[in-house]
Amino acid sequence: MATYAIGDVQGCAAQLHRLIDRIDFHPDNDRLWFVGDLVNRGPDSVSVLRFVKNLGRSTSVVLGNHDLFLLAVAEGIVALRPKDTIQDVLAADDRKELVDWLRRQPLHHREGSHLMVHAGLLPQWTVEEAAQLADEVETALAGAHYRDFLQELFHGSPSTWSPSLAGNARIAVIARVLTRLRVCKPTGEMSSFSGPPEEAPSGYLPWFRIPNRRNSDATIITGHWAALGLQLEPNHLAIDSGCVWGRQLTAVRLEDRGLFQVEGFHRQ
């Protein structure tokens, strides 16, 4: 039995199937962990969703920012942008089934010494606290009033995390951390910066480079930051290797950190 963590697929179905073949995946014995952003910017989001959904118990998924964006578009909360490629999901006969399944996926997956989230953790959060906070978002997203949460996430005023936050403002900030964080200040103040780490704004560091962060006792698995690229460190596996940008789609076997890659999507 082996467990493989797979980086941001983003609708690159052909590359995903090649990677599955490359690792010789057997669903009866092996597990796949998807680090989020199953959809968008690539050519075949609907096939990716159908494939991962049909894997059932042999897979674990966490939601990324593009996955949440799809949910918001499906509810009419935000409009499609020129570079979005999720129209195939929105037009699918099984759209409702796929969107309902996606909405009920978690924002974190914790197993043994590993914690998987899409983007990162604030330095002041312990792993236990991060899991509890993620639970709050997951409960809201699966609940009857999930549209109110999505409205706040995409149209509310961004704010810095504080334990005193309440309601949808609180869970929206938690979701922004878990699905959008790249750099922050030691105090936890976030930036929307998305470039390479050496170009981060003054005073901001990659979240995993903050000194004395309280979650360094686990191995955090993340994607999201294509400009960072693949990094395999003792307590951090960054596995968004830019498949949708023509680089690679990556799988890491967690038992021994075996690395498997296929060539990414190349636009015509």
C-alpha atoms as a PDB file:
ATOM      1  CA  MET A   1       0.000   0.000   0.000  1.00  0.00           C
ATOM      2  CA  ALA A   2       1.265   3.454  -0.904  1.00  0.00           C
ATOM      3  CA  THR A   3      -0.041   7.009  -0.468  1.00  0.00           C
ATOM      4  CA  TYR A   4       0.658   9.584  -3.178  1.00  0.00           C
ATOM      5  CA  ALA A   5       0.164  13.332  -2.727  1.00  0.00           C
ATOM      6  CA  ILE A   6      -0.607  14.985  -6.067  1.00  0.00           C
ATOM      7  CA  GLY A   7      -0.119  18.653  -6.894  1.00  0.00           C
ATOM      8  CA  ASP A   8      -2.552  21.107  -8.468  1.00  0.00           C
ATOM      9  CA  VAL A   9      -4.263  19.381 -11.415  1.00  0.00           C
ATOM     10  CA  GLN A  10      -6.322  22.401 -12.569  1.00  0.00           C
ATOM     11  CA  GLY A  11      -8.324  20.591 -15.210  1.00  0.00           C
ATOM     12  CA  CYS A  12      -5.354  18.804 -16.805  1.00  0.00           C
ATOM     13  CA  ALA A  13      -7.089  15.437 -17.122  1.00  0.00           C
ATOM     14  CA  ALA A  14      -4.711  13.886 -19.664  1.00  0.00           C
ATOM     15  CA  GLN A  15      -1.687  14.695 -17.502  1.00  0.00           C
ATOM     16  CA  LEU A  16      -3.427  13.288 -14.428  1.00  0.00           C
ATOM     17  CA  HIS A  17      -4.120   9.988 -16.165  1.00  0.00           C
ATOM     18  CA  ARG A  18      -0.511   9.775 -17.335  1.00  0.00           C
ATOM     19  CA  LEU A  19       0.670  10.363 -13.784  1.00  0.00           C
ATOM     20  CA  ILE A  20      -1.710   7.704 -12.455  1.00  0.00           C
ATOM     21  CA  ASP A  21      -0.203   5.259 -14.945  1.00  0.00           C
ATOM     22  CA  ARG A  22       3.312   6.406 -14.024  1.00  0.00           C
ATOM     23  CA  ILE A  23       2.861   5.526 -10.337  1.00  0.00           C
ATOM     24  CA  ASP A  24       1.061   2.258 -11.179  1.00  0.00           C
ATOM     25  CA  PHE A  25      -1.843   3.205  -8.926  1.00  0.00           C
ATOM     26  CA  HIS A  26      -4.057   0.384  -7.626  1.00  0.00           C
ATOM     27  CA  PRO A  27      -7.255   1.739  -6.004  1.00  0.00           C
ATOM     28  CA  ASP A  28      -7.755  -1.365  -3.876  1.00  0.00           C
ATOM     29  CA  ASN A  29      -4.408  -0.867  -2.159  1.00  0.00           C
ATOM     30  CA  ASP A  30      -3.133   2.673  -2.770  1.00  0.00           C
ATOM     31  CA  ARG A  31      -4.363   6.142  -1.800  1.00  0.00           C
ATOM     32  CA  LEU A  32      -4.291   9.428  -3.661  1.00  0.00           C
ATOM     33  CA  TRP A  33      -4.224  12.770  -1.838  1.00  0.00           C
ATOM     34  CA  PHE A  34      -5.160  15.786  -3.964  1.00  0.00           C
ATOM     35  CA  VAL A  35      -3.851  19.096  -2.673  1.00  0.00           C
ATOM     36  CA  GLY A  36      -6.650  21.187  -4.180  1.00  0.00           C
ATOM     37  CA  ASP A  37      -7.379  23.174  -7.334  1.00  0.00           C
ATOM     38  CA  LEU A  38      -8.763  20.216  -9.214  1.00  0.00           C
ATOM     39  CA  VAL A  39     -10.315  22.634 -11.696  1.00  0.00           C
ATOM     40  CA  ASN A  40      -9.771  25.737 -13.837  1.00  0.00           C
ATOM     41  CA  ARG A  41      -7.223  27.123 -16.282  1.00  0.00           C
ATOM     42  CA  GLY A  42      -6.685  23.676 -17.846  1.00  0.00           C
ATOM     43  CA  PRO A  43      -8.742  22.125 -20.667  1.00  0.00           C
ATOM     44  CA  ASP A  44     -10.871  19.413 -18.997  1.00  0.00           C
ATOM     45  CA  SER A  45     -12.075  20.258 -15.503  1.00  0.00           C
ATOM     46  CA  VAL A  46     -15.229  18.172 -15.749  1.00  0.00           C
ATOM     47  CA  SER A  47     -13.289  14.975 -16.493  1.00  0.00           C
ATOM     48  CA  VAL A  48     -10.984  15.603 -13.531  1.00  0.00           C
ATOM     49  CA  LEU A  49     -13.937  16.054 -11.178  1.00  0.00           C
ATOM     50  CA  ARG A  50     -15.672  12.933 -12.427  1.00  0.00           C
ATOM     51  CA  PHE A  51     -12.527  10.841 -12.150  1.00  0.00           C
ATOM     52  CA  VAL A  52     -11.600  11.953  -8.641  1.00  0.00           C
ATOM     53  CA  LYS A  53     -15.195  11.693  -7.405  1.00  0.00           C
ATOM     54  CA  ASN A  54     -15.452   8.133  -8.711  1.00  0.00           C
ATOM     55  CA  LEU A  55     -12.295   7.095  -6.856  1.00  0.00           C
ATOM     56  CA  GLY A  56     -14.363   7.046  -3.681  1.00  0.00           C
ATOM     57  CA  ARG A  57     -12.537   5.985  -0.544  1.00  0.00           C
ATOM     58  CA  SER A  58      -9.206   5.560  -2.284  1.00  0.00           C
ATOM     59  CA  THR A  59      -8.755   9.330  -2.407  1.00  0.00           C
ATOM     60  CA  SER A  60      -8.666  12.351  -0.109  1.00  0.00           C
ATOM     61  CA  VAL A  61      -9.237  15.859  -1.458  1.00  0.00           C
ATOM     62  CA  VAL A  62      -8.830  19.322   0.033  1.00  0.00           C
ATOM     63  CA  LEU A  63     -10.388  22.374  -1.591  1.00  0.00           C
ATOM     64  CA  GLY A  64      -8.306  25.076  -3.244  1.00  0.00           C
ATOM     65  CA  ASN A  65      -9.128  28.631  -4.263  1.00  0.00           C
ATOM     66  CA  HIS A  66     -10.144  27.605  -7.798  1.00  0.00           C
ATOM     67  CA  ASP A  67     -12.476  24.933  -6.426  1.00  0.00           C
ATOM     68  CA  LEU A  68     -14.171  27.507  -4.195  1.00  0.00           C
ATOM     69  CA  PHE A  69     -14.373  29.861  -7.169  1.00  0.00           C
ATOM     70  CA  LEU A  70     -16.247  27.195  -9.131  1.00  0.00           C
ATOM     71  CA  LEU A  71     -18.731  26.845  -6.277  1.00  0.00           C
ATOM     72  CA  ALA A  72     -19.262  30.618  -6.223  1.00  0.00           C
ATOM     73  CA  VAL A  73     -19.766  30.787 -10.001  1.00  0.00           C
ATOM     74  CA  ALA A  74     -22.239  27.912  -9.854  1.00  0.00           C
ATOM     75  CA  GLU A  75     -24.265  29.877  -7.294  1.00  0.00           C
ATOM     76  CA  GLY A  76     -24.171  33.124  -9.295  1.00  0.00           C
ATOM     77  CA  ILE A  77     -22.051  34.866  -6.657  1.00  0.00           C
ATOM     78  CA  VAL A  78     -19.176  35.708  -9.004  1.00  0.00           C
ATOM     79  CA  ALA A  79     -18.857  35.876 -12.789  1.00  0.00           C
ATOM     80  CA  LEU A  80     -16.465  34.010 -15.018  1.00  0.00           C
ATOM     81  CA  ARG A  81     -13.240  35.813 -15.927  1.00  0.00           C
ATOM     82  CA  PRO A  82     -11.519  35.678 -19.335  1.00  0.00           C
ATOM     83  CA  LYS A  83      -8.972  33.020 -18.294  1.00  0.00           C
ATOM     84  CA  ASP A  84     -11.424  30.701 -16.536  1.00  0.00           C
ATOM     85  CA  THR A  85     -12.073  27.306 -18.135  1.00  0.00           C
ATOM     86  CA  ILE A  86     -14.788  25.776 -15.964  1.00  0.00           C
ATOM     87  CA  GLN A  87     -17.566  26.190 -18.502  1.00  0.00           C
ATOM     88  CA  ASP A  88     -17.509  22.430 -19.115  1.00  0.00           C
ATOM     89  CA  VAL A  89     -18.499  21.791 -15.501  1.00  0.00           C
ATOM     90  CA  LEU A  90     -21.225  24.437 -15.562  1.00  0.00           C
ATOM     91  CA  ALA A  91     -22.728  22.973 -18.751  1.00  0.00           C
ATOM     92  CA  ALA A  92     -22.485  19.314 -17.705  1.00  0.00           C
ATOM     93  CA  ASP A  93     -25.572  17.148 -17.282  1.00  0.00           C
ATOM     94  CA  ASP A  94     -24.180  16.047 -13.913  1.00  0.00           C
ATOM     95  CA  ARG A  95     -23.290  19.597 -12.844  1.00  0.00           C
ATOM     96  CA  LYS A  96     -25.391  19.509  -9.667  1.00  0.00           C
ATOM     97  CA  GLU A  97     -23.979  16.172  -8.579  1.00  0.00           C
ATOM     98  CA  LEU A  98     -20.392  17.327  -9.156  1.00  0.00           C
ATOM     99  CA  VAL A  99     -20.862  20.705  -7.451  1.00  0.00           C
ATOM    100  CA  ASP A 100     -22.616  19.146  -4.448  1.00  0.00           C
ATOM    101  CA  TRP A 101     -19.802  16.619  -4.109  1.00  0.00           C
ATOM    102  CA  LEU A 102     -17.162  19.345  -4.316  1.00  0.00           C
ATOM    103  CA  ARG A 103     -18.920  21.495  -1.731  1.00  0.00           C
ATOM    104  CA  ARG A 104     -18.690  18.662   0.784  1.00  0.00           C
ATOM    105  CA  GLN A 105     -14.941  18.152   0.467  1.00  0.00           C
ATOM    106  CA  PRO A 106     -12.763  19.363   3.365  1.00  0.00           C
ATOM    107  CA  LEU A 107     -10.192  22.135   3.517  1.00  0.00           C
ATOM    108  CA  HIS A 108      -7.743  19.959   5.426  1.00  0.00           C
ATOM    109  CA  HIS A 109      -6.756  16.331   5.657  1.00  0.00           C
ATOM    110  CA  ARG A 110      -4.749  15.097   8.614  1.00  0.00           C
ATOM    111  CA  GLU A 111      -3.265  11.646   8.908  1.00  0.00           C
ATOM    112  CA  GLY A 112      -0.377  10.647  11.145  1.00  0.00           C
ATOM    113  CA  SER A 113       2.353  13.292  10.994  1.00  0.00           C
ATOM    114  CA  HIS A 114       0.999  14.820   7.759  1.00  0.00           C
ATOM    115  CA  LEU A 115      -1.416  17.708   7.359  1.00  0.00           C
ATOM    116  CA  MET A 116      -2.568  18.628   3.851  1.00  0.00           C
ATOM    117  CA  VAL A 117      -4.036  22.059   3.051  1.00  0.00           C
ATOM    118  CA  HIS A 118      -4.097  23.873  -0.256  1.00  0.00           C
ATOM    119  CA  ALA A 119      -2.059  26.986   0.543  1.00  0.00           C
ATOM    120  CA  GLY A 120      -0.601  27.249   4.054  1.00  0.00           C
ATOM    121  CA  LEU A 121      -1.031  28.026   7.749  1.00  0.00           C
ATOM    122  CA  LEU A 122      -0.554  31.199   9.741  1.00  0.00           C
ATOM    123  CA  PRO A 123       2.522  31.052  11.972  1.00  0.00           C
ATOM    124  CA  GLN A 124       0.505  31.462  15.167  1.00  0.00           C
ATOM    125  CA  TRP A 125      -1.724  28.449  14.441  1.00  0.00           C
ATOM    126  CA  THR A 126      -0.800  25.071  15.850  1.00  0.00           C
ATOM    127  CA  VAL A 127      -1.718  22.032  13.785  1.00  0.00           C
ATOM    128  CA  GLU A 128      -4.527  21.269  16.230  1.00  0.00           C
ATOM    129  CA  GLU A 129      -5.892  24.803  15.969  1.00  0.00           C
ATOM    130  CA  ALA A 130      -5.627  24.768  12.179  1.00  0.00           C
ATOM    131  CA  ALA A 131      -7.633  21.540  12.006  1.00  0.00           C
ATOM    132  CA  GLN A 132     -10.319  22.950  14.302  1.00  0.00           C
ATOM    133  CA  LEU A 133     -10.548  26.165  12.282  1.00  0.00           C
ATOM    134  CA  ALA A 134     -10.774  24.233   9.031  1.00  0.00           C
ATOM    135  CA  ASP A 135     -13.646  22.258  10.558  1.00  0.00           C
ATOM    136  CA  GLU A 136     -15.548  25.524  10.998  1.00  0.00           C
ATOM    137  CA  VAL A 137     -15.304  26.305   7.297  1.00  0.00           C
ATOM    138  CA  GLU A 138     -16.191  22.763   6.275  1.00  0.00           C
ATOM    139  CA  THR A 139     -19.302  22.829   8.467  1.00  0.00           C
ATOM    140  CA  ALA A 140     -20.439  26.129   6.957  1.00  0.00           C
ATOM    141  CA  LEU A 141     -19.758  25.044   3.398  1.00  0.00           C
ATOM    142  CA  ALA A 142     -21.729  21.822   3.793  1.00  0.00           C
ATOM    143  CA  GLY A 143     -24.559  23.581   5.617  1.00  0.00           C
ATOM    144  CA  ALA A 144     -27.808  25.169   4.490  1.00  0.00           C
ATOM    145  CA  HIS A 145     -26.415  28.729   4.472  1.00  0.00           C
ATOM    146  CA  TYR A 146     -23.251  28.062   2.483  1.00  0.00           C
ATOM    147  CA  ARG A 147     -24.134  30.784  -0.029  1.00  0.00           C
ATOM    148  CA  ASP A 148     -23.779  33.412   2.729  1.00  0.00           C
ATOM    149  CA  PHE A 149     -20.264  32.163   3.414  1.00  0.00           C
ATOM    150  CA  LEU A 150     -19.329  32.246  -0.288  1.00  0.00           C
ATOM    151  CA  GLN A 151     -20.742  35.758  -0.594  1.00  0.00           C
ATOM    152  CA  GLU A 152     -18.526  36.913   2.278  1.00  0.00           C
ATOM    153  CA  LEU A 153     -15.491  35.051   0.941  1.00  0.00           C
ATOM    154  CA  PHE A 154     -15.654  36.695  -2.475  1.00  0.00           C
ATOM    155  CA  HIS A 155     -17.242  40.054  -1.720  1.00  0.00           C
ATOM    156  CA  GLY A 156     -16.463  40.754   1.927  1.00  0.00           C
ATOM    157  CA  SER A 157     -13.648  43.014   3.070  1.00  0.00           C
ATOM    158  CA  PRO A 158     -10.412  41.072   3.646  1.00  0.00           C
ATOM    159  CA  SER A 159      -9.208  41.253   7.218  1.00  0.00           C
ATOM    160  CA  THR A 160      -6.372  39.966   9.346  1.00  0.00           C
ATOM    161  CA  TRP A 161      -7.043  36.855  11.385  1.00  0.00           C
ATOM    162  CA  SER A 162      -8.117  37.364  14.974  1.00  0.00           C
ATOM    163  CA  PRO A 163      -9.619  34.774  17.323  1.00  0.00           C
ATOM    164  CA  SER A 164     -12.287  37.358  18.157  1.00  0.00           C
ATOM    165  CA  LEU A 165     -13.739  37.302  14.631  1.00  0.00           C
ATOM    166  CA  ALA A 166     -17.220  35.803  14.404  1.00  0.00           C
ATOM    167  CA  GLY A 167     -19.754  34.624  11.861  1.00  0.00           C
ATOM    168  CA  ASN A 168     -19.086  34.558   8.144  1.00  0.00           C
ATOM    169  CA  ALA A 169     -16.282  37.120   8.479  1.00  0.00           C
ATOM    170  CA  ARG A 170     -14.420  34.641  10.679  1.00  0.00           C
ATOM    171  CA  ILE A 171     -14.802  31.628   8.441  1.00  0.00           C
ATOM    172  CA  ALA A 172     -14.006  33.671   5.327  1.00  0.00           C
ATOM    173  CA  VAL A 173     -10.638  34.684   6.802  1.00  0.00           C
ATOM    174  CA  ILE A 174      -9.896  31.074   7.760  1.00  0.00           C
ATOM    175  CA  ALA A 175     -10.729  29.977   4.204  1.00  0.00           C
ATOM    176  CA  ARG A 176      -8.514  32.713   2.717  1.00  0.00           C
ATOM    177  CA  VAL A 177      -5.598  31.482   4.806  1.00  0.00           C
ATOM    178  CA  LEU A 178      -6.072  27.823   3.940  1.00  0.00           C
ATOM    179  CA  THR A 179      -6.638  28.385   0.205  1.00  0.00           C
ATOM    180  CA  ARG A 180      -4.758  31.596  -0.696  1.00  0.00           C
ATOM    181  CA  LEU A 181      -1.836  32.173   1.675  1.00  0.00           C
ATOM    182  CA  ARG A 182       1.671  32.457   0.253  1.00  0.00           C
ATOM    183  CA  VAL A 183       3.468  35.138   2.252  1.00  0.00           C
ATOM    184  CA  CYS A 184       2.701  36.867   5.519  1.00  0.00           C
ATOM    185  CA  LYS A 185       4.295  38.861   8.300  1.00  0.00           C
ATOM    186  CA  PRO A 186       5.299  37.181  11.576  1.00  0.00           C
ATOM    187  CA  THR A 187       2.144  38.741  13.055  1.00  0.00           C
ATOM    188  CA  GLY A 188       0.016  36.863  10.504  1.00  0.00           C
ATOM    189  CA  GLU A 189      -0.857  39.804   8.225  1.00  0.00           C
ATOM    190  CA  MET A 190      -1.328  38.401   4.733  1.00  0.00           C
ATOM    191  CA  SER A 191      -0.553  39.698   1.249  1.00  0.00           C
ATOM    192  CA  SER A 192      -2.076  38.798  -2.129  1.00  0.00           C
ATOM    193  CA  PHE A 193       1.437  38.457  -3.593  1.00  0.00           C
ATOM    194  CA  SER A 194       1.799  35.506  -6.001  1.00  0.00           C
ATOM    195  CA  GLY A 195       5.259  35.847  -7.533  1.00  0.00           C
ATOM    196  CA  PRO A 196       8.510  34.062  -6.686  1.00  0.00           C
ATOM    197  CA  PRO A 197       9.474  34.203  -3.004  1.00  0.00           C
ATOM    198  CA  GLU A 198      12.544  36.375  -3.560  1.00  0.00           C
ATOM    199  CA  GLU A 199      10.254  39.146  -4.861  1.00  0.00           C
ATOM    200  CA  ALA A 200       7.910  39.182  -1.849  1.00  0.00           C
ATOM    201  CA  PRO A 201       7.003  42.636  -0.463  1.00  0.00           C
ATOM    202  CA  SER A 202       9.198  44.053   2.263  1.00  0.00           C
ATOM    203  CA  GLY A 203       8.378  42.615   5.670  1.00  0.00           C
ATOM    204  CA  TYR A 204       6.664  39.541   4.231  1.00  0.00           C
ATOM    205  CA  LEU A 205       8.082  36.032   4.174  1.00  0.00           C
ATOM    206  CA  PRO A 206       6.863  32.724   2.773  1.00  0.00           C
ATOM    207  CA  TRP A 207       4.565  31.415   5.489  1.00  0.00           C
ATOM    208  CA  PHE A 208       6.790  28.369   6.056  1.00  0.00           C
ATOM    209  CA  ARG A 209       9.868  30.598   6.559  1.00  0.00           C
ATOM    210  CA  ILE A 210       8.420  32.534   9.491  1.00  0.00           C
ATOM    211  CA  PRO A 211      10.719  31.927  12.500  1.00  0.00           C
ATOM    212  CA  ASN A 212       9.269  29.900  15.367  1.00  0.00           C
ATOM    213  CA  ARG A 213       5.986  29.130  13.622  1.00  0.00           C
ATOM    214  CA  ARG A 214       3.821  26.990  15.851  1.00  0.00           C
ATOM    215  CA  ASN A 215       2.980  24.327  13.246  1.00  0.00           C
ATOM    216  CA  SER A 216       6.497  23.116  12.415  1.00  0.00           C
ATOM    217  CA  ASP A 217       5.982  19.862  14.329  1.00  0.00           C
ATOM    218  CA  ALA A 218       4.074  18.298  11.407  1.00  0.00           C
ATOM    219  CA  THR A 219       4.803  17.782   7.721  1.00  0.00           C
ATOM    220  CA  ILE A 220       2.554  20.253   5.907  1.00  0.00           C
ATOM    221  CA  ILE A 221       1.635  19.357   2.320  1.00  0.00           C
ATOM    222  CA  THR A 222       0.622  22.288   0.118  1.00  0.00           C
ATOM    223  CA  GLY A 223       0.141  23.313  -3.490  1.00  0.00           C
ATOM    224  CA  HIS A 224      -1.127  26.696  -4.741  1.00  0.00           C
ATOM    225  CA  TRP A 225       2.191  28.496  -5.301  1.00  0.00           C
ATOM    226  CA  ALA A 226       3.342  27.624  -8.814  1.00  0.00           C
ATOM    227  CA  ALA A 227       5.986  30.364  -8.759  1.00  0.00           C
ATOM    228  CA  LEU A 228       7.564  28.683  -5.731  1.00  0.00           C
ATOM    229  CA  GLY A 229       7.761  25.355  -7.513  1.00  0.00           C
ATOM    230  CA  LEU A 230       8.499  21.934  -6.105  1.00  0.00           C
ATOM    231  CA  GLN A 231      10.124  21.939  -2.668  1.00  0.00           C
ATOM    232  CA  LEU A 232      10.599  18.854  -0.512  1.00  0.00           C
ATOM    233  CA  GLU A 233      11.755  19.900   2.946  1.00  0.00           C
ATOM    234  CA  PRO A 234      11.776  18.019   6.249  1.00  0.00           C
ATOM    235  CA  ASN A 235       8.474  19.513   7.434  1.00  0.00           C
ATOM    236  CA  HIS A 236       7.005  20.951   4.231  1.00  0.00           C
ATOM    237  CA  LEU A 237       6.140  19.423   0.855  1.00  0.00           C
ATOM    238  CA  ALA A 238       5.247  22.101  -1.720  1.00  0.00           C
ATOM    239  CA  ILE A 239       4.022  20.176  -4.745  1.00  0.00           C
ATOM    240  CA  ASP A 240       2.479  22.669  -7.182  1.00  0.00           C
ATOM    241  CA  SER A 241       5.035  22.255  -9.957  1.00  0.00           C
ATOM    242  CA  GLY A 242       3.071  24.271 -12.522  1.00  0.00           C
ATOM    243  CA  CYS A 243       1.338  21.602 -14.594  1.00  0.00           C
ATOM    244  CA  VAL A 244      -1.149  24.058 -16.103  1.00  0.00           C
ATOM    245  CA  TRP A 245       1.748  26.380 -17.016  1.00  0.00           C
ATOM    246  CA  GLY A 246       3.515  23.712 -19.063  1.00  0.00           C
ATOM    247  CA  ARG A 247       5.925  22.443 -16.412  1.00  0.00           C
ATOM    248  CA  GLN A 248       5.134  19.220 -14.519  1.00  0.00           C
ATOM    249  CA  LEU A 249       2.397  17.439 -12.616  1.00  0.00           C
ATOM    250  CA  THR A 250       3.905  15.899  -9.496  1.00  0.00           C
ATOM    251  CA  ALA A 251       3.136  13.017  -7.161  1.00  0.00           C
ATOM    252  CA  VAL A 252       5.114  12.350  -3.981  1.00  0.00           C
ATOM    253  CA  ARG A 253       4.910   8.932  -2.325  1.00  0.00           C
ATOM    254  CA  LEU A 254       4.631   9.831   1.334  1.00  0.00           C
ATOM    255  CA  GLU A 255       6.144   6.633   2.732  1.00  0.00           C
ATOM    256  CA  ASP A 256       9.602   7.349   1.257  1.00  0.00           C
ATOM    257  CA  ARG A 257       9.215  10.674  -0.599  1.00  0.00           C
ATOM    258  CA  GLY A 258       9.588   8.957  -3.929  1.00  0.00           C
ATOM    259  CA  LEU A 259       9.057  11.567  -6.655  1.00  0.00           C
ATOM    260  CA  PHE A 260       7.030  10.990  -9.823  1.00  0.00           C
ATOM    261  CA  GLN A 261       6.375  13.568 -12.537  1.00  0.00           C
ATOM    262  CA  VAL A 262       4.877  13.895 -16.003  1.00  0.00           C
ATOM    263  CA  GLU A 263       5.150  16.740 -18.473  1.00  0.00           C
ATOM    264  CA  GLY A 264       2.564  19.463 -17.970  1.00  0.00           C
ATOM    265  CA  PHE A 265      -0.087  20.903 -20.250  1.00  0.00           C
ATOM    266  CA  HIS A 266       1.128  22.845 -23.289  1.00  0.00           C
ATOM    267  CA  ARG A 267      -1.279  25.304 -24.881  1.00  0.00           C
ATOM    268  CA  GLN A 268      -1.648  25.236 -28.640  1.00  0.00           C
END
